[in-house]
Amino acid sequence: MSSAITKSAWVQLYKQLQKEAEKIPQYNYRSFYHRRIRDHFVANRAVKDVEQQKKLFQEAQKELESLKRQVVFCKLYPHNKTIVEQKLGH
């Protein structure tokens, strides 16, 4: 039987996703990704099946790579800051 993914690996992946989402310049997209990441991890917190955990972990790693590409894409095209972004100073 395969070993389960450690809690520290999950925490590290979560932090990497949140850190990458913070790099998105547009406030709306950035807050969307923060919520999406948190909601996904909370919804799958109770999964105990090792194979399902591995599948979820691989999907999250693919999402991290996708998010990295999205950050590059968002930075290529400048945007007008919204009022919320102006007040936040982002």
PDB file of N, CA and C in Angstrom:
ATOM      1  N   MET A   1       0.831  -1.174   0.000  1.00  0.00           N
ATOM      2  CA  MET A   1       0.000   0.000   0.000  1.00  0.00           C
ATOM      3  C   MET A   1       0.879   1.242   0.000  1.00  0.00           C
ATOM      4  N   SER A   2       0.461   2.249  -0.741  1.00  0.00           N
ATOM      5  CA  SER A   2       1.217   3.497  -0.851  1.00  0.00           C
ATOM      6  C   SER A   2       1.069   4.333   0.406  1.00  0.00           C
ATOM      7  N   SER A   3       2.062   5.150   0.637  1.00  0.00           N
ATOM      8  CA  SER A   3       1.993   6.016   1.808  1.00  0.00           C
ATOM      9  C   SER A   3       1.223   7.292   1.462  1.00  0.00           C
ATOM     10  N   ALA A   4       0.596   7.847   2.457  1.00  0.00           N
ATOM     11  CA  ALA A   4      -0.197   9.061   2.267  1.00  0.00           C
ATOM     12  C   ALA A   4       0.723  10.274   2.122  1.00  0.00           C
ATOM     13  N   ILE A   5       0.191  11.312   1.553  1.00  0.00           N
ATOM     14  CA  ILE A   5       0.937  12.556   1.408  1.00  0.00           C
ATOM     15  C   ILE A   5       0.949  13.257   2.762  1.00  0.00           C
ATOM     16  N   THR A   6       2.109  13.742   3.160  1.00  0.00           N
ATOM     17  CA  THR A   6       2.244  14.333   4.488  1.00  0.00           C
ATOM     18  C   THR A   6       1.512  15.670   4.584  1.00  0.00           C
ATOM     19  N   LYS A   7       1.177  16.021   5.797  1.00  0.00           N
ATOM     20  CA  LYS A   7       0.484  17.286   6.045  1.00  0.00           C
ATOM     21  C   LYS A   7       1.371  18.464   5.647  1.00  0.00           C
ATOM     22  N   SER A   8       2.659  18.336   5.896  1.00  0.00           N
ATOM     23  CA  SER A   8       3.571  19.435   5.551  1.00  0.00           C
ATOM     24  C   SER A   8       3.626  19.664   4.036  1.00  0.00           C
ATOM     25  N   ALA A   9       3.502  18.594   3.246  1.00  0.00           N
ATOM     26  CA  ALA A   9       3.483  18.739   1.792  1.00  0.00           C
ATOM     27  C   ALA A   9       2.223  19.487   1.347  1.00  0.00           C
ATOM     28  N   TRP A  10       1.090  19.170   2.005  1.00  0.00           N
ATOM     29  CA  TRP A  10      -0.161  19.869   1.690  1.00  0.00           C
ATOM     30  C   TRP A  10      -0.055  21.341   2.049  1.00  0.00           C
ATOM     31  N   VAL A  11       0.492  21.629   3.218  1.00  0.00           N
ATOM     32  CA  VAL A  11       0.619  23.014   3.674  1.00  0.00           C
ATOM     33  C   VAL A  11       1.541  23.789   2.739  1.00  0.00           C
ATOM     34  N   GLN A  12       2.631  23.172   2.346  1.00  0.00           N
ATOM     35  CA  GLN A  12       3.577  23.825   1.440  1.00  0.00           C
ATOM     36  C   GLN A  12       2.919  24.131   0.093  1.00  0.00           C
ATOM     37  N   LEU A  13       2.159  23.180  -0.433  1.00  0.00           N
ATOM     38  CA  LEU A  13       1.468  23.378  -1.704  1.00  0.00           C
ATOM     39  C   LEU A  13       0.432  24.501  -1.576  1.00  0.00           C
ATOM     40  N   TYR A  14      -0.305  24.509  -0.476  1.00  0.00           N
ATOM     41  CA  TYR A  14      -1.296  25.561  -0.234  1.00  0.00           C
ATOM     42  C   TYR A  14      -0.636  26.943  -0.207  1.00  0.00           C
ATOM     43  N   LYS A  15       0.480  27.038   0.502  1.00  0.00           N
ATOM     44  CA  LYS A  15       1.187  28.317   0.601  1.00  0.00           C
ATOM     45  C   LYS A  15       1.738  28.752  -0.758  1.00  0.00           C
ATOM     46  N   GLN A  16       2.229  27.798  -1.540  1.00  0.00           N
ATOM     47  CA  GLN A  16       2.730  28.127  -2.867  1.00  0.00           C
ATOM     48  C   GLN A  16       1.611  28.666  -3.752  1.00  0.00           C
ATOM     49  N   LEU A  17       0.452  28.036  -3.689  1.00  0.00           N
ATOM     50  CA  LEU A  17      -0.686  28.494  -4.474  1.00  0.00           C
ATOM     51  C   LEU A  17      -1.112  29.897  -4.055  1.00  0.00           C
ATOM     52  N   GLN A  18      -1.218  30.132  -2.755  1.00  0.00           N
ATOM     53  CA  GLN A  18      -1.629  31.446  -2.271  1.00  0.00           C
ATOM     54  C   GLN A  18      -0.589  32.520  -2.626  1.00  0.00           C
ATOM     55  N   LYS A  19       0.674  32.174  -2.519  1.00  0.00           N
ATOM     56  CA  LYS A  19       1.742  33.115  -2.840  1.00  0.00           C
ATOM     57  C   LYS A  19       1.719  33.476  -4.322  1.00  0.00           C
ATOM     58  N   GLU A  20       1.481  32.488  -5.156  1.00  0.00           N
ATOM     59  CA  GLU A  20       1.413  32.733  -6.595  1.00  0.00           C
ATOM     60  C   GLU A  20       0.181  33.569  -6.938  1.00  0.00           C
ATOM     61  N   ALA A  21      -0.928  33.312  -6.285  1.00  0.00           N
ATOM     62  CA  ALA A  21      -2.146  34.088  -6.522  1.00  0.00           C
ATOM     63  C   ALA A  21      -1.945  35.546  -6.132  1.00  0.00           C
ATOM     64  N   GLU A  22      -1.130  35.792  -5.135  1.00  0.00           N
ATOM     65  CA  GLU A  22      -0.870  37.161  -4.684  1.00  0.00           C
ATOM     66  C   GLU A  22      -0.136  37.973  -5.744  1.00  0.00           C
ATOM     67  N   LYS A  23       0.516  37.332  -6.679  1.00  0.00           N
ATOM     68  CA  LYS A  23       1.265  38.021  -7.728  1.00  0.00           C
ATOM     69  C   LYS A  23       0.386  38.553  -8.847  1.00  0.00           C
ATOM     70  N   ILE A  24      -0.869  38.142  -8.892  1.00  0.00           N
ATOM     71  CA  ILE A  24      -1.771  38.597  -9.951  1.00  0.00           C
ATOM     72  C   ILE A  24      -2.095  40.071  -9.719  1.00  0.00           C
ATOM     73  N   PRO A  25      -1.860  40.918 -10.706  1.00  0.00           N
ATOM     74  CA  PRO A  25      -2.033  42.349 -10.493  1.00  0.00           C
ATOM     75  C   PRO A  25      -3.489  42.803 -10.350  1.00  0.00           C
ATOM     76  N   GLN A  26      -4.426  42.133 -10.987  1.00  0.00           N
ATOM     77  CA  GLN A  26      -5.827  42.553 -10.926  1.00  0.00           C
ATOM     78  C   GLN A  26      -6.483  42.047  -9.645  1.00  0.00           C
ATOM     79  N   TYR A  27      -7.112  42.980  -8.934  1.00  0.00           N
ATOM     80  CA  TYR A  27      -7.730  42.670  -7.650  1.00  0.00           C
ATOM     81  C   TYR A  27      -8.791  41.577  -7.764  1.00  0.00           C
ATOM     82  N   ASN A  28      -9.672  41.680  -8.750  1.00  0.00           N
ATOM     83  CA  ASN A  28     -10.764  40.717  -8.877  1.00  0.00           C
ATOM     84  C   ASN A  28     -10.251  39.293  -9.096  1.00  0.00           C
ATOM     85  N   TYR A  29      -9.293  39.143  -9.981  1.00  0.00           N
ATOM     86  CA  TYR A  29      -8.734  37.810 -10.237  1.00  0.00           C
ATOM     87  C   TYR A  29      -7.980  37.282  -9.017  1.00  0.00           C
ATOM     88  N   ARG A  30      -7.232  38.181  -8.386  1.00  0.00           N
ATOM     89  CA  ARG A  30      -6.444  37.784  -7.216  1.00  0.00           C
ATOM     90  C   ARG A  30      -7.354  37.284  -6.094  1.00  0.00           C
ATOM     91  N   SER A  31      -8.412  38.032  -5.801  1.00  0.00           N
ATOM     92  CA  SER A  31      -9.316  37.606  -4.733  1.00  0.00           C
ATOM     93  C   SER A  31     -10.078  36.348  -5.126  1.00  0.00           C
ATOM     94  N   PHE A  32     -10.407  36.186  -6.409  1.00  0.00           N
ATOM     95  CA  PHE A  32     -11.061  34.968  -6.876  1.00  0.00           C
ATOM     96  C   PHE A  32     -10.179  33.749  -6.622  1.00  0.00           C
ATOM     97  N   TYR A  33      -8.912  33.855  -6.991  1.00  0.00           N
ATOM     98  CA  TYR A  33      -8.001  32.719  -6.801  1.00  0.00           C
ATOM     99  C   TYR A  33      -7.785  32.415  -5.322  1.00  0.00           C
ATOM    100  N   HIS A  34      -7.677  33.442  -4.501  1.00  0.00           N
ATOM    101  CA  HIS A  34      -7.529  33.197  -3.061  1.00  0.00           C
ATOM    102  C   HIS A  34      -8.718  32.405  -2.516  1.00  0.00           C
ATOM    103  N   ARG A  35      -9.924  32.832  -2.877  1.00  0.00           N
ATOM    104  CA  ARG A  35     -11.132  32.121  -2.418  1.00  0.00           C
ATOM    105  C   ARG A  35     -11.192  30.712  -2.981  1.00  0.00           C
ATOM    106  N   ARG A  36     -10.890  30.578  -4.255  1.00  0.00           N
ATOM    107  CA  ARG A  36     -10.965  29.267  -4.912  1.00  0.00           C
ATOM    108  C   ARG A  36      -9.996  28.275  -4.282  1.00  0.00           C
ATOM    109  N   ILE A  37      -8.793  28.707  -4.026  1.00  0.00           N
ATOM    110  CA  ILE A  37      -7.779  27.840  -3.412  1.00  0.00           C
ATOM    111  C   ILE A  37      -8.234  27.413  -2.022  1.00  0.00           C
ATOM    112  N   ARG A  38      -8.632  28.392  -1.203  1.00  0.00           N
ATOM    113  CA  ARG A  38      -9.084  28.083   0.154  1.00  0.00           C
ATOM    114  C   ARG A  38     -10.279  27.139   0.146  1.00  0.00           C
ATOM    115  N   ASP A  39     -11.274  27.431  -0.681  1.00  0.00           N
ATOM    116  CA  ASP A  39     -12.477  26.603  -0.736  1.00  0.00           C
ATOM    117  C   ASP A  39     -12.164  25.178  -1.186  1.00  0.00           C
ATOM    118  N   HIS A  40     -11.262  25.043  -2.136  1.00  0.00           N
ATOM    119  CA  HIS A  40     -10.886  23.713  -2.620  1.00  0.00           C
ATOM    120  C   HIS A  40     -10.214  22.890  -1.513  1.00  0.00           C
ATOM    121  N   PHE A  41      -9.318  23.514  -0.790  1.00  0.00           N
ATOM    122  CA  PHE A  41      -8.626  22.795   0.273  1.00  0.00           C
ATOM    123  C   PHE A  41      -9.571  22.452   1.425  1.00  0.00           C
ATOM    124  N   VAL A  42     -10.458  23.365   1.768  1.00  0.00           N
ATOM    125  CA  VAL A  42     -11.414  23.106   2.846  1.00  0.00           C
ATOM    126  C   VAL A  42     -12.375  21.990   2.453  1.00  0.00           C
ATOM    127  N   ALA A  43     -12.844  22.010   1.211  1.00  0.00           N
ATOM    128  CA  ALA A  43     -13.804  21.007   0.752  1.00  0.00           C
ATOM    129  C   ALA A  43     -13.211  19.599   0.732  1.00  0.00           C
ATOM    130  N   ASN A  44     -11.907  19.498   0.524  1.00  0.00           N
ATOM    131  CA  ASN A  44     -11.270  18.185   0.411  1.00  0.00           C
ATOM    132  C   ASN A  44     -10.454  17.809   1.642  1.00  0.00           C
ATOM    133  N   ARG A  45     -10.645  18.531   2.713  1.00  0.00           N
ATOM    134  CA  ARG A  45      -9.898  18.278   3.948  1.00  0.00           C
ATOM    135  C   ARG A  45     -10.173  16.896   4.522  1.00  0.00           C
ATOM    136  N   ALA A  46     -11.381  16.398   4.381  1.00  0.00           N
ATOM    137  CA  ALA A  46     -11.782  15.144   5.019  1.00  0.00           C
ATOM    138  C   ALA A  46     -11.479  13.899   4.190  1.00  0.00           C
ATOM    139  N   VAL A  47     -10.867  14.058   3.035  1.00  0.00           N
ATOM    140  CA  VAL A  47     -10.566  12.899   2.187  1.00  0.00           C
ATOM    141  C   VAL A  47      -9.510  12.042   2.867  1.00  0.00           C
ATOM    142  N   LYS A  48      -9.826  10.760   3.064  1.00  0.00           N
ATOM    143  CA  LYS A  48      -8.901   9.840   3.751  1.00  0.00           C
ATOM    144  C   LYS A  48      -8.282   8.813   2.810  1.00  0.00           C
ATOM    145  N   ASP A  49      -8.912   8.577   1.670  1.00  0.00           N
ATOM    146  CA  ASP A  49      -8.413   7.594   0.714  1.00  0.00           C
ATOM    147  C   ASP A  49      -7.087   8.073   0.125  1.00  0.00           C
ATOM    148  N   VAL A  50      -6.056   7.251   0.230  1.00  0.00           N
ATOM    149  CA  VAL A  50      -4.706   7.625  -0.201  1.00  0.00           C
ATOM    150  C   VAL A  50      -4.664   7.898  -1.702  1.00  0.00           C
ATOM    151  N   GLU A  51      -5.315   7.066  -2.479  1.00  0.00           N
ATOM    152  CA  GLU A  51      -5.306   7.247  -3.936  1.00  0.00           C
ATOM    153  C   GLU A  51      -6.017   8.549  -4.316  1.00  0.00           C
ATOM    154  N   GLN A  52      -7.112   8.842  -3.661  1.00  0.00           N
ATOM    155  CA  GLN A  52      -7.839  10.084  -3.922  1.00  0.00           C
ATOM    156  C   GLN A  52      -6.999  11.288  -3.508  1.00  0.00           C
ATOM    157  N   GLN A  53      -6.281  11.164  -2.392  1.00  0.00           N
ATOM    158  CA  GLN A  53      -5.399  12.240  -1.956  1.00  0.00           C
ATOM    159  C   GLN A  53      -4.311  12.509  -2.989  1.00  0.00           C
ATOM    160  N   LYS A  54      -3.727  11.440  -3.516  1.00  0.00           N
ATOM    161  CA  LYS A  54      -2.681  11.597  -4.527  1.00  0.00           C
ATOM    162  C   LYS A  54      -3.226  12.281  -5.777  1.00  0.00           C
ATOM    163  N   LYS A  55      -4.416  11.895  -6.162  1.00  0.00           N
ATOM    164  CA  LYS A  55      -5.054  12.503  -7.329  1.00  0.00           C
ATOM    165  C   LYS A  55      -5.297  13.993  -7.086  1.00  0.00           C
ATOM    166  N   LEU A  56      -5.808  14.341  -5.920  1.00  0.00           N
ATOM    167  CA  LEU A  56      -6.046  15.741  -5.578  1.00  0.00           C
ATOM    168  C   LEU A  56      -4.745  16.525  -5.519  1.00  0.00           C
ATOM    169  N   PHE A  57      -3.705  15.911  -4.985  1.00  0.00           N
ATOM    170  CA  PHE A  57      -2.410  16.583  -4.886  1.00  0.00           C
ATOM    171  C   PHE A  57      -1.844  16.865  -6.280  1.00  0.00           C
ATOM    172  N   GLN A  58      -1.951  15.895  -7.176  1.00  0.00           N
ATOM    173  CA  GLN A  58      -1.474  16.095  -8.546  1.00  0.00           C
ATOM    174  C   GLN A  58      -2.270  17.177  -9.260  1.00  0.00           C
ATOM    175  N   GLU A  59      -3.575  17.194  -9.042  1.00  0.00           N
ATOM    176  CA  GLU A  59      -4.416  18.234  -9.639  1.00  0.00           C
ATOM    177  C   GLU A  59      -4.020  19.607  -9.116  1.00  0.00           C
ATOM    178  N   ALA A  60      -3.735  19.699  -7.842  1.00  0.00           N
ATOM    179  CA  ALA A  60      -3.339  20.978  -7.246  1.00  0.00           C
ATOM    180  C   ALA A  60      -1.987  21.433  -7.801  1.00  0.00           C
ATOM    181  N   GLN A  61      -1.081  20.494  -8.039  1.00  0.00           N
ATOM    182  CA  GLN A  61       0.210  20.847  -8.633  1.00  0.00           C
ATOM    183  C   GLN A  61       0.025  21.358 -10.063  1.00  0.00           C
ATOM    184  N   LYS A  62      -0.886  20.743 -10.805  1.00  0.00           N
ATOM    185  CA  LYS A  62      -1.183  21.222 -12.156  1.00  0.00           C
ATOM    186  C   LYS A  62      -1.801  22.612 -12.103  1.00  0.00           C
ATOM    187  N   GLU A  63      -2.654  22.851 -11.115  1.00  0.00           N
ATOM    188  CA  GLU A  63      -3.255  24.170 -10.944  1.00  0.00           C
ATOM    189  C   GLU A  63      -2.193  25.216 -10.611  1.00  0.00           C
ATOM    190  N   LEU A  64      -1.186  24.825  -9.849  1.00  0.00           N
ATOM    191  CA  LEU A  64      -0.098  25.742  -9.527  1.00  0.00           C
ATOM    192  C   LEU A  64       0.633  26.155 -10.806  1.00  0.00           C
ATOM    193  N   GLU A  65       0.924  25.195 -11.660  1.00  0.00           N
ATOM    194  CA  GLU A  65       1.594  25.506 -12.929  1.00  0.00           C
ATOM    195  C   GLU A  65       0.714  26.398 -13.797  1.00  0.00           C
ATOM    196  N   SER A  66      -0.564  26.116 -13.821  1.00  0.00           N
ATOM    197  CA  SER A  66      -1.501  26.933 -14.582  1.00  0.00           C
ATOM    198  C   SER A  66      -1.571  28.348 -14.030  1.00  0.00           C
ATOM    199  N   LEU A  67      -1.573  28.462 -12.724  1.00  0.00           N
ATOM    200  CA  LEU A  67      -1.615  29.770 -12.071  1.00  0.00           C
ATOM    201  C   LEU A  67      -0.351  30.568 -12.378  1.00  0.00           C
ATOM    202  N   LYS A  68       0.780  29.905 -12.433  1.00  0.00           N
ATOM    203  CA  LYS A  68       2.034  30.582 -12.784  1.00  0.00           C
ATOM    204  C   LYS A  68       1.950  31.161 -14.191  1.00  0.00           C
ATOM    205  N   ARG A  69       1.381  30.397 -15.119  1.00  0.00           N
ATOM    206  CA  ARG A  69       1.206  30.893 -16.481  1.00  0.00           C
ATOM    207  C   ARG A  69       0.237  32.071 -16.509  1.00  0.00           C
ATOM    208  N   GLN A  70      -0.820  31.980 -15.715  1.00  0.00           N
ATOM    209  CA  GLN A  70      -1.807  33.057 -15.651  1.00  0.00           C
ATOM    210  C   GLN A  70      -1.190  34.345 -15.120  1.00  0.00           C
ATOM    211  N   VAL A  71      -0.307  34.239 -14.152  1.00  0.00           N
ATOM    212  CA  VAL A  71       0.366  35.413 -13.595  1.00  0.00           C
ATOM    213  C   VAL A  71       1.191  36.094 -14.684  1.00  0.00           C
ATOM    214  N   VAL A  72       1.932  35.323 -15.451  1.00  0.00           N
ATOM    215  CA  VAL A  72       2.744  35.886 -16.534  1.00  0.00           C
ATOM    216  C   VAL A  72       1.841  36.578 -17.550  1.00  0.00           C
ATOM    217  N   PHE A  73       0.758  35.916 -17.905  1.00  0.00           N
ATOM    218  CA  PHE A  73      -0.171  36.475 -18.881  1.00  0.00           C
ATOM    219  C   PHE A  73      -0.786  37.783 -18.381  1.00  0.00           C
ATOM    220  N   CYS A  74      -1.194  37.819 -17.136  1.00  0.00           N
ATOM    221  CA  CYS A  74      -1.814  39.027 -16.565  1.00  0.00           C
ATOM    222  C   CYS A  74      -0.839  40.191 -16.509  1.00  0.00           C
ATOM    223  N   LYS A  75       0.427  39.896 -16.304  1.00  0.00           N
ATOM    224  CA  LYS A  75       1.418  40.968 -16.219  1.00  0.00           C
ATOM    225  C   LYS A  75       1.793  41.517 -17.594  1.00  0.00           C
ATOM    226  N   LEU A  76       1.499  40.778 -18.645  1.00  0.00           N
ATOM    227  CA  LEU A  76       1.824  41.238 -19.992  1.00  0.00           C
ATOM    228  C   LEU A  76       0.954  42.417 -20.418  1.00  0.00           C
ATOM    229  N   TYR A  77      -0.280  42.427 -19.955  1.00  0.00           N
ATOM    230  CA  TYR A  77      -1.227  43.444 -20.371  1.00  0.00           C
ATOM    231  C   TYR A  77      -1.575  44.349 -19.192  1.00  0.00           C
ATOM    232  N   PRO A  78      -1.220  45.627 -19.304  1.00  0.00           N
ATOM    233  CA  PRO A  78      -1.534  46.545 -18.212  1.00  0.00           C
ATOM    234  C   PRO A  78      -3.048  46.743 -18.090  1.00  0.00           C
ATOM    235  N   HIS A  79      -3.480  47.089 -16.909  1.00  0.00           N
ATOM    236  CA  HIS A  79      -4.909  47.309 -16.670  1.00  0.00           C
ATOM    237  C   HIS A  79      -5.092  48.591 -15.867  1.00  0.00           C
ATOM    238  N   ASN A  80      -6.269  49.144 -15.972  1.00  0.00           N
ATOM    239  CA  ASN A  80      -6.602  50.300 -15.146  1.00  0.00           C
ATOM    240  C   ASN A  80      -6.997  49.810 -13.771  1.00  0.00           C
ATOM    241  N   LYS A  81      -6.440  50.431 -12.765  1.00  0.00           N
ATOM    242  CA  LYS A  81      -6.741  50.009 -11.402  1.00  0.00           C
ATOM    243  C   LYS A  81      -8.173  50.392 -11.028  1.00  0.00           C
ATOM    244  N   THR A  82      -8.820  49.486 -10.318  1.00  0.00           N
ATOM    245  CA  THR A  82     -10.156  49.777  -9.811  1.00  0.00           C
ATOM    246  C   THR A  82     -10.034  50.644  -8.562  1.00  0.00           C
ATOM    247  N   ILE A  83     -11.133  51.159  -8.102  1.00  0.00           N
ATOM    248  CA  ILE A  83     -11.133  51.998  -6.902  1.00  0.00           C
ATOM    249  C   ILE A  83     -10.626  51.203  -5.702  1.00  0.00           C
ATOM    250  N   VAL A  84     -11.002  49.946  -5.631  1.00  0.00           N
ATOM    251  CA  VAL A  84     -10.567  49.093  -4.519  1.00  0.00           C
ATOM    252  C   VAL A  84      -9.044  48.964  -4.549  1.00  0.00           C
ATOM    253  N   GLU A  85      -8.473  48.751  -5.732  1.00  0.00           N
ATOM    254  CA  GLU A  85      -7.020  48.603  -5.842  1.00  0.00           C
ATOM    255  C   GLU A  85      -6.314  49.912  -5.493  1.00  0.00           C
ATOM    256  N   GLN A  86      -6.891  51.024  -5.866  1.00  0.00           N
ATOM    257  CA  GLN A  86      -6.282  52.310  -5.546  1.00  0.00           C
ATOM    258  C   GLN A  86      -6.247  52.552  -4.050  1.00  0.00           C
ATOM    259  N   LYS A  87      -7.316  52.161  -3.358  1.00  0.00           N
ATOM    260  CA  LYS A  87      -7.377  52.341  -1.913  1.00  0.00           C
ATOM    261  C   LYS A  87      -6.466  51.369  -1.184  1.00  0.00           C
ATOM    262  N   LEU A  88      -6.312  50.147  -1.743  1.00  0.00           N
ATOM    263  CA  LEU A  88      -5.458  49.147  -1.116  1.00  0.00           C
ATOM    264  C   LEU A  88      -3.989  49.417  -1.378  1.00  0.00           C
ATOM    265  N   GLY A  89      -3.695  50.124  -2.442  1.00  0.00           N
ATOM    266  CA  GLY A  89      -2.311  50.430  -2.771  1.00  0.00           C
ATOM    267  C   GLY A  89      -1.617  49.331  -3.555  1.00  0.00           C
ATOM    268  N   HIS A  90      -2.363  48.416  -4.179  1.00  0.00           N
ATOM    269  CA  HIS A  90      -1.756  47.349  -4.998  1.00  0.00           C
ATOM    270  C   HIS A  90      -1.432  47.861  -6.361  1.00  0.00           C
TER     271      HIS A  90
END
